[in-house]
């Protein structure tokens, strides 16, 4: 017997959009907005989770509140013998690497790295470069986010209206000034 999945319809799209905007929205609130009962919304969310459409619910945190004040993208150039799975094994060992992907173009991979400061970033970069199959790296320091509501900027997909909240005490690193603005650095 084959299992048939339900089609992804307009109501499913509205439910997913509501959850992407705010994953804490109640089924009752979603149902009221789209004309379904809370129970019907829950059944659909459960089905979407079972089918792998919804893969999880996350919390978006301002990186500086966790002490991550420096951000960079690193192009990684590997020896021809390095398969993507080997690079994936390596990057899992770095809590500073937020995302890693293989890419087209000259580089083999692109890493999204966060660090406490430039010195910490340099330490991470040096550890990455000690991997025997990595030939060279090129780093791009992030100066500012042009799309401040993007997840990469540490914001929810739909930012609340009004001014951003002032950083709390956890966002400050006492005695540590912000690093000066920087740009592109060939690392090899």
Protein backbone atom coordinates (compact mmCIF):
# COMPACT_ATOMS: atom_id res chain seq x y z
CA UNK A 1 0.00 0.00 0.00
CA UNK A 2 1.45 3.37 -0.98
CA UNK A 3 1.12 6.40 1.27
CA UNK A 4 -0.31 9.41 -0.50
CA UNK A 5 0.50 12.85 0.86
CA UNK A 6 -2.13 15.56 0.87
CA UNK A 7 -1.58 18.37 -1.64
CA UNK A 8 0.01 21.58 -0.39
CA UNK A 9 -2.87 24.03 -0.79
CA UNK A 10 -3.51 27.73 -0.21
CA UNK A 11 -4.54 27.18 3.43
CA UNK A 12 -1.24 25.34 4.04
CA UNK A 13 0.63 28.30 2.49
CA UNK A 14 -1.17 30.71 4.81
CA UNK A 15 -0.42 28.56 7.85
CA UNK A 16 3.26 28.30 6.92
CA UNK A 17 3.45 32.06 6.26
CA UNK A 18 1.93 32.79 9.69
CA UNK A 19 4.41 30.46 11.40
CA UNK A 20 7.37 31.86 9.47
CA UNK A 21 6.35 35.35 10.56
CA UNK A 22 5.96 34.27 14.19
CA UNK A 23 6.39 30.61 15.17
CA UNK A 24 4.67 31.33 18.49
CA UNK A 25 1.37 32.29 16.85
CA UNK A 26 -1.35 30.10 18.35
CA UNK A 27 -3.41 27.74 16.23
CA UNK A 28 -6.45 29.72 17.36
CA UNK A 29 -4.98 32.99 16.01
CA UNK A 30 -3.99 31.36 12.72
CA UNK A 31 -7.37 29.72 12.38
CA UNK A 32 -9.20 33.00 12.98
CA UNK A 33 -7.09 34.69 10.29
CA UNK A 34 -7.66 32.00 7.63
CA UNK A 35 -11.13 30.68 8.50
CA UNK A 36 -10.29 27.35 10.17
CA UNK A 37 -10.73 26.00 13.67
CA UNK A 38 -7.69 25.66 15.92
CA UNK A 39 -8.05 21.86 15.68
CA UNK A 40 -8.01 21.98 11.87
CA UNK A 41 -4.90 24.18 11.92
CA UNK A 42 -3.17 21.77 14.35
CA UNK A 43 -4.00 18.78 12.11
CA UNK A 44 -2.53 20.60 9.12
CA UNK A 45 0.61 21.64 11.03
CA UNK A 46 1.07 18.05 12.24
CA UNK A 47 0.73 16.80 8.64
CA UNK A 48 3.16 19.43 7.35
CA UNK A 49 5.66 18.36 10.01
CA UNK A 50 5.24 14.66 9.15
CA UNK A 51 5.76 15.42 5.45
CA UNK A 52 8.91 17.44 6.17
CA UNK A 53 7.47 20.74 4.91
CA UNK A 54 7.86 22.21 8.40
CA UNK A 55 11.20 21.01 9.72
CA UNK A 56 11.24 22.76 13.08
CA UNK A 57 10.61 25.89 15.08
CA UNK A 58 13.46 28.19 16.04
CA UNK A 59 14.27 31.22 18.11
CA UNK A 60 16.09 34.08 16.45
CA UNK A 61 18.63 35.76 18.71
CA UNK A 62 20.58 38.98 18.19
CA UNK A 63 24.16 37.62 17.80
CA UNK A 64 25.74 40.49 19.74
CA UNK A 65 23.64 39.50 22.77
CA UNK A 66 25.58 36.23 22.77
CA UNK A 67 28.94 37.96 22.37
CA UNK A 68 29.25 37.39 18.59
CA UNK A 69 30.27 40.88 17.44
CA UNK A 70 32.33 39.99 14.36
CA UNK A 71 30.92 38.34 11.28
CA UNK A 72 32.54 37.18 8.07
CA UNK A 73 32.05 35.02 5.02
CA UNK A 74 34.99 32.83 4.09
CA UNK A 75 35.60 31.36 0.66
CA UNK A 76 37.34 28.00 0.99
CA UNK A 77 39.50 26.58 -1.79
CA UNK A 78 40.26 22.88 -1.42
CA UNK A 79 42.67 20.47 -3.06
CA UNK A 80 40.91 18.55 -5.81
CA UNK A 81 40.83 15.39 -3.69
CA UNK A 82 38.60 16.90 -0.98
CA UNK A 83 34.99 15.72 -1.32
CA UNK A 84 32.20 17.92 0.09
CA UNK A 85 31.42 15.33 2.78
CA UNK A 86 34.95 15.72 4.17
CA UNK A 87 34.52 19.48 4.42
CA UNK A 88 31.12 18.94 6.10
CA UNK A 89 32.78 16.72 8.73
CA UNK A 90 35.33 19.44 9.50
CA UNK A 91 32.98 22.42 9.73
CA UNK A 92 30.73 20.61 12.23
CA UNK A 93 33.57 20.93 14.75
CA UNK A 94 33.46 24.75 14.72
CA UNK A 95 30.71 26.39 16.79
CA UNK A 96 31.68 29.69 15.13
CA UNK A 97 30.53 28.44 11.71
CA UNK A 98 26.85 29.35 11.39
CA UNK A 99 26.41 27.94 7.88
CA UNK A 100 28.50 26.17 5.28
CA UNK A 101 27.68 25.37 1.69
CA UNK A 102 29.35 24.25 -1.51
CA UNK A 103 29.20 26.90 -4.23
CA UNK A 104 29.79 27.47 -7.91
CA UNK A 105 32.64 29.66 -9.10
CA UNK A 106 36.28 29.59 -8.08
CA UNK A 107 35.76 28.63 -4.42
CA UNK A 108 34.72 25.16 -3.34
CA UNK A 109 32.73 26.29 -0.31
CA UNK A 110 31.46 29.35 1.51
CA UNK A 111 31.41 29.58 5.30
CA UNK A 112 29.38 32.04 7.40
CA UNK A 113 31.45 32.68 10.53
CA UNK A 114 30.69 34.62 13.71
CA UNK A 115 33.27 35.44 16.38
CA UNK A 116 33.67 37.54 19.51
CA UNK A 117 36.09 39.93 17.81
CA UNK A 118 38.64 40.10 15.00
CA UNK A 119 41.26 38.28 17.09
CA UNK A 120 38.87 35.39 17.73
CA UNK A 121 37.95 35.31 14.02
CA UNK A 122 41.65 35.11 13.14
CA UNK A 123 42.07 32.15 15.51
CA UNK A 124 39.12 30.35 13.89
CA UNK A 125 40.50 31.07 10.43
CA UNK A 126 43.92 29.72 11.41
CA UNK A 127 42.34 26.50 12.70
CA UNK A 128 40.35 26.10 9.47
CA UNK A 129 43.47 26.64 7.39
CA UNK A 130 45.35 23.85 9.21
CA UNK A 131 43.10 21.25 7.58
CA UNK A 132 45.35 19.36 5.16
CA UNK A 133 43.00 19.60 2.17
CA UNK A 134 42.40 23.38 2.39
CA UNK A 135 44.59 25.19 -0.12
CA UNK A 136 43.56 28.79 0.66
CA UNK A 137 40.81 30.99 2.06
CA UNK A 138 39.54 34.48 1.30
CA UNK A 139 37.60 36.34 3.97
CA UNK A 140 34.94 39.04 3.65
CA UNK A 141 34.21 40.87 6.90
CA UNK A 142 30.62 42.06 7.30
CA UNK A 143 30.46 45.78 8.01
CA UNK A 144 26.68 46.14 8.19
CA UNK A 145 23.50 44.35 7.15
CA UNK A 146 21.60 46.11 4.40
CA UNK A 147 18.54 43.92 5.03
CA UNK A 148 18.28 44.30 8.79
CA UNK A 149 15.25 42.02 9.00
CA UNK A 150 17.06 39.00 7.53
CA UNK A 151 17.85 35.96 9.68
CA UNK A 152 21.55 36.51 8.93
CA UNK A 153 21.26 39.87 10.65
CA UNK A 154 19.86 38.11 13.70
CA UNK A 155 16.31 39.27 13.12
CA UNK A 156 13.03 37.50 12.67
CA UNK A 157 11.69 37.39 9.13
CA UNK A 158 9.06 39.96 10.03
CA UNK A 159 10.49 42.61 12.30
CA UNK A 160 8.13 44.42 14.64
CA UNK A 161 7.30 48.02 13.77
CA UNK A 162 9.07 50.78 15.66
CA UNK A 163 12.62 51.33 16.82
CA UNK A 164 14.87 48.41 17.69
CA UNK A 165 15.23 47.72 21.39
CA UNK A 166 18.32 49.07 23.09
CA UNK A 167 20.97 46.41 23.77
CA UNK A 168 20.75 44.98 27.25
CA UNK A 169 23.67 44.31 29.57
CA UNK A 170 24.28 40.89 28.02
CA UNK A 171 25.02 42.53 24.63
CA UNK A 172 27.99 44.51 25.90
CA UNK A 173 31.45 43.06 26.25
CA UNK A 174 32.96 45.18 29.02
CA UNK A 175 36.40 46.53 28.24
CA UNK A 176 36.34 45.32 24.64
CA UNK A 177 35.97 48.06 21.99
CA UNK A 178 34.39 47.21 18.66
CA UNK A 179 36.95 46.36 16.00
CA UNK A 180 37.58 48.97 13.31
CA UNK A 181 35.71 48.49 10.03
CA UNK A 182 37.47 46.06 7.74
CA UNK A 183 37.01 44.73 4.23
CA UNK A 184 38.24 41.87 2.08
CA UNK A 185 41.28 39.92 3.23
CA UNK A 186 43.09 37.33 1.13
CA UNK A 187 44.16 34.81 3.74
CA UNK A 188 46.60 32.64 1.84
